[in-house]
Amino acid sequence: MKMPRLGTKDAKASRHPVPPKAEQGWIIQRVEELMALYDQLEEAQAKQNSICTAARRSAIDAVATASTSQELEVAWEGISSNWEVMAGQRS
């Protein structure tokens, strides 16, 4: 199915409503607030990912370096009881 196109000539000739200056200022302010919030969320997510990665490495290291069967059992229990977190399926 062929989709209709809006050519450059038609686009230039079309009318686009522009909000009043006061509203434009409000829109800019709101977008800046939302972008700042997005930046905070992105930073928090990166920090959480870093913490989860460190926890996974620590848990794997505990299993790999266990020197007794009891240490291995404790380390493996830590992984298995927190598998969803370790696998990144839940935070």
C-alpha atoms as a PDB file:
ATOM      1  CA  MET A   1       0.000   0.000   0.000  1.00  0.00           C
ATOM      2  CA  LYS A   2       1.434   3.347  -1.009  1.00  0.00           C
ATOM      3  CA  MET A   3       1.357   6.066   1.645  1.00  0.00           C
ATOM      4  CA  PRO A   4       0.626   9.643   0.630  1.00  0.00           C
ATOM      5  CA  ARG A   5       3.504  12.081   1.067  1.00  0.00           C
ATOM      6  CA  LEU A   6       3.599  15.660   2.132  1.00  0.00           C
ATOM      7  CA  GLY A   7       5.868  17.440  -0.303  1.00  0.00           C
ATOM      8  CA  THR A   8       8.143  20.339   0.629  1.00  0.00           C
ATOM      9  CA  LYS A   9       5.997  22.825  -1.280  1.00  0.00           C
ATOM     10  CA  ASP A  10       2.856  21.694   0.580  1.00  0.00           C
ATOM     11  CA  ALA A  11       4.660  21.701   3.922  1.00  0.00           C
ATOM     12  CA  LYS A  12       5.902  25.258   3.392  1.00  0.00           C
ATOM     13  CA  ALA A  13       2.431  26.414   2.381  1.00  0.00           C
ATOM     14  CA  SER A  14       0.696  24.782   5.368  1.00  0.00           C
ATOM     15  CA  ARG A  15      -0.227  26.744   8.473  1.00  0.00           C
ATOM     16  CA  HIS A  16       1.055  25.706  11.880  1.00  0.00           C
ATOM     17  CA  PRO A  17      -0.375  27.300  15.005  1.00  0.00           C
ATOM     18  CA  VAL A  18       2.240  28.698  17.382  1.00  0.00           C
ATOM     19  CA  PRO A  19       1.420  29.170  21.052  1.00  0.00           C
ATOM     20  CA  PRO A  20       1.702  32.634  22.577  1.00  0.00           C
ATOM     21  CA  LYS A  21       5.153  33.702  23.916  1.00  0.00           C
ATOM     22  CA  ALA A  22       4.119  33.184  27.548  1.00  0.00           C
ATOM     23  CA  GLU A  23       3.005  29.633  26.816  1.00  0.00           C
ATOM     24  CA  GLN A  24       6.171  28.977  24.813  1.00  0.00           C
ATOM     25  CA  GLY A  25       8.185  30.022  27.875  1.00  0.00           C
ATOM     26  CA  TRP A  26       6.144  27.691  30.080  1.00  0.00           C
ATOM     27  CA  ILE A  27       6.650  24.818  27.610  1.00  0.00           C
ATOM     28  CA  ILE A  28      10.419  25.396  27.562  1.00  0.00           C
ATOM     29  CA  GLN A  29      10.549  25.526  31.362  1.00  0.00           C
ATOM     30  CA  ARG A  30       8.541  22.310  31.661  1.00  0.00           C
ATOM     31  CA  VAL A  31      10.694  20.496  29.092  1.00  0.00           C
ATOM     32  CA  GLU A  32      13.832  21.577  30.971  1.00  0.00           C
ATOM     33  CA  GLU A  33      12.344  20.299  34.253  1.00  0.00           C
ATOM     34  CA  LEU A  34      11.479  16.966  32.644  1.00  0.00           C
ATOM     35  CA  MET A  35      14.930  16.665  31.063  1.00  0.00           C
ATOM     36  CA  ALA A  36      16.539  17.301  34.473  1.00  0.00           C
ATOM     37  CA  LEU A  37      14.331  14.593  35.962  1.00  0.00           C
ATOM     38  CA  TYR A  38      15.270  12.254  33.119  1.00  0.00           C
ATOM     39  CA  ASP A  39      18.970  12.941  33.780  1.00  0.00           C
ATOM     40  CA  GLN A  40      18.479  12.121  37.480  1.00  0.00           C
ATOM     41  CA  LEU A  41      16.678   8.883  36.638  1.00  0.00           C
ATOM     42  CA  GLU A  42      19.345   7.909  34.126  1.00  0.00           C
ATOM     43  CA  GLU A  43      22.074   8.556  36.717  1.00  0.00           C
ATOM     44  CA  ALA A  44      20.213   6.543  39.354  1.00  0.00           C
ATOM     45  CA  GLN A  45      19.753   3.655  36.930  1.00  0.00           C
ATOM     46  CA  ALA A  46      23.452   3.673  36.034  1.00  0.00           C
ATOM     47  CA  LYS A  47      24.337   3.648  39.741  1.00  0.00           C
ATOM     48  CA  GLN A  48      21.929   0.762  40.387  1.00  0.00           C
ATOM     49  CA  ASN A  49      23.361  -1.187  37.444  1.00  0.00           C
ATOM     50  CA  SER A  50      26.860  -0.635  38.781  1.00  0.00           C
ATOM     51  CA  ILE A  51      25.855  -1.866  42.238  1.00  0.00           C
ATOM     52  CA  CYS A  52      24.133  -4.942  40.770  1.00  0.00           C
ATOM     53  CA  THR A  53      27.186  -5.739  38.646  1.00  0.00           C
ATOM     54  CA  ALA A  54      29.451  -5.478  41.699  1.00  0.00           C
ATOM     55  CA  ALA A  55      27.083  -7.709  43.702  1.00  0.00           C
ATOM     56  CA  ARG A  56      27.046 -10.329  40.927  1.00  0.00           C
ATOM     57  CA  ARG A  57      30.837 -10.298  40.698  1.00  0.00           C
ATOM     58  CA  SER A  58      31.136 -10.610  44.468  1.00  0.00           C
ATOM     59  CA  ALA A  59      28.675 -13.503  44.587  1.00  0.00           C
ATOM     60  CA  ILE A  60      30.440 -15.351  41.770  1.00  0.00           C
ATOM     61  CA  ASP A  61      33.806 -14.695  43.403  1.00  0.00           C
ATOM     62  CA  ALA A  62      32.492 -16.093  46.693  1.00  0.00           C
ATOM     63  CA  VAL A  63      31.495 -19.319  44.928  1.00  0.00           C
ATOM     64  CA  ALA A  64      34.739 -19.501  42.959  1.00  0.00           C
ATOM     65  CA  THR A  65      36.981 -18.955  45.972  1.00  0.00           C
ATOM     66  CA  ALA A  66      35.106 -21.021  48.558  1.00  0.00           C
ATOM     67  CA  SER A  67      37.655 -23.210  50.306  1.00  0.00           C
ATOM     68  CA  THR A  68      35.233 -25.474  52.165  1.00  0.00           C
ATOM     69  CA  SER A  69      31.981 -27.117  51.257  1.00  0.00           C
ATOM     70  CA  GLN A  70      30.252 -25.001  53.907  1.00  0.00           C
ATOM     71  CA  GLU A  71      31.578 -21.751  52.350  1.00  0.00           C
ATOM     72  CA  LEU A  72      30.452 -22.986  48.947  1.00  0.00           C
ATOM     73  CA  GLU A  73      27.001 -23.848  50.272  1.00  0.00           C
ATOM     74  CA  VAL A  74      26.604 -20.405  51.898  1.00  0.00           C
ATOM     75  CA  ALA A  75      27.826 -18.626  48.753  1.00  0.00           C
ATOM     76  CA  TRP A  76      25.567 -20.654  46.484  1.00  0.00           C
ATOM     77  CA  GLU A  77      22.571 -20.072  48.784  1.00  0.00           C
ATOM     78  CA  GLY A  78      23.215 -16.334  48.454  1.00  0.00           C
ATOM     79  CA  ILE A  79      23.044 -16.603  44.686  1.00  0.00           C
ATOM     80  CA  SER A  80      20.100 -18.978  44.491  1.00  0.00           C
ATOM     81  CA  SER A  81      17.965 -17.069  47.011  1.00  0.00           C
ATOM     82  CA  ASN A  82      18.576 -13.822  45.088  1.00  0.00           C
ATOM     83  CA  TRP A  83      18.565 -15.243  41.571  1.00  0.00           C
ATOM     84  CA  GLU A  84      16.032 -12.775  40.138  1.00  0.00           C
ATOM     85  CA  VAL A  85      18.153  -9.850  41.331  1.00  0.00           C
ATOM     86  CA  MET A  86      21.382 -11.495  40.194  1.00  0.00           C
ATOM     87  CA  ALA A  87      19.900 -12.172  36.757  1.00  0.00           C
ATOM     88  CA  GLY A  88      18.679  -8.577  36.458  1.00  0.00           C
ATOM     89  CA  GLN A  89      15.018  -9.566  36.436  1.00  0.00           C
ATOM     90  CA  ARG A  90      14.143  -7.619  39.567  1.00  0.00           C
ATOM     91  CA  SER A  91      15.745  -4.826  41.554  1.00  0.00           C
END
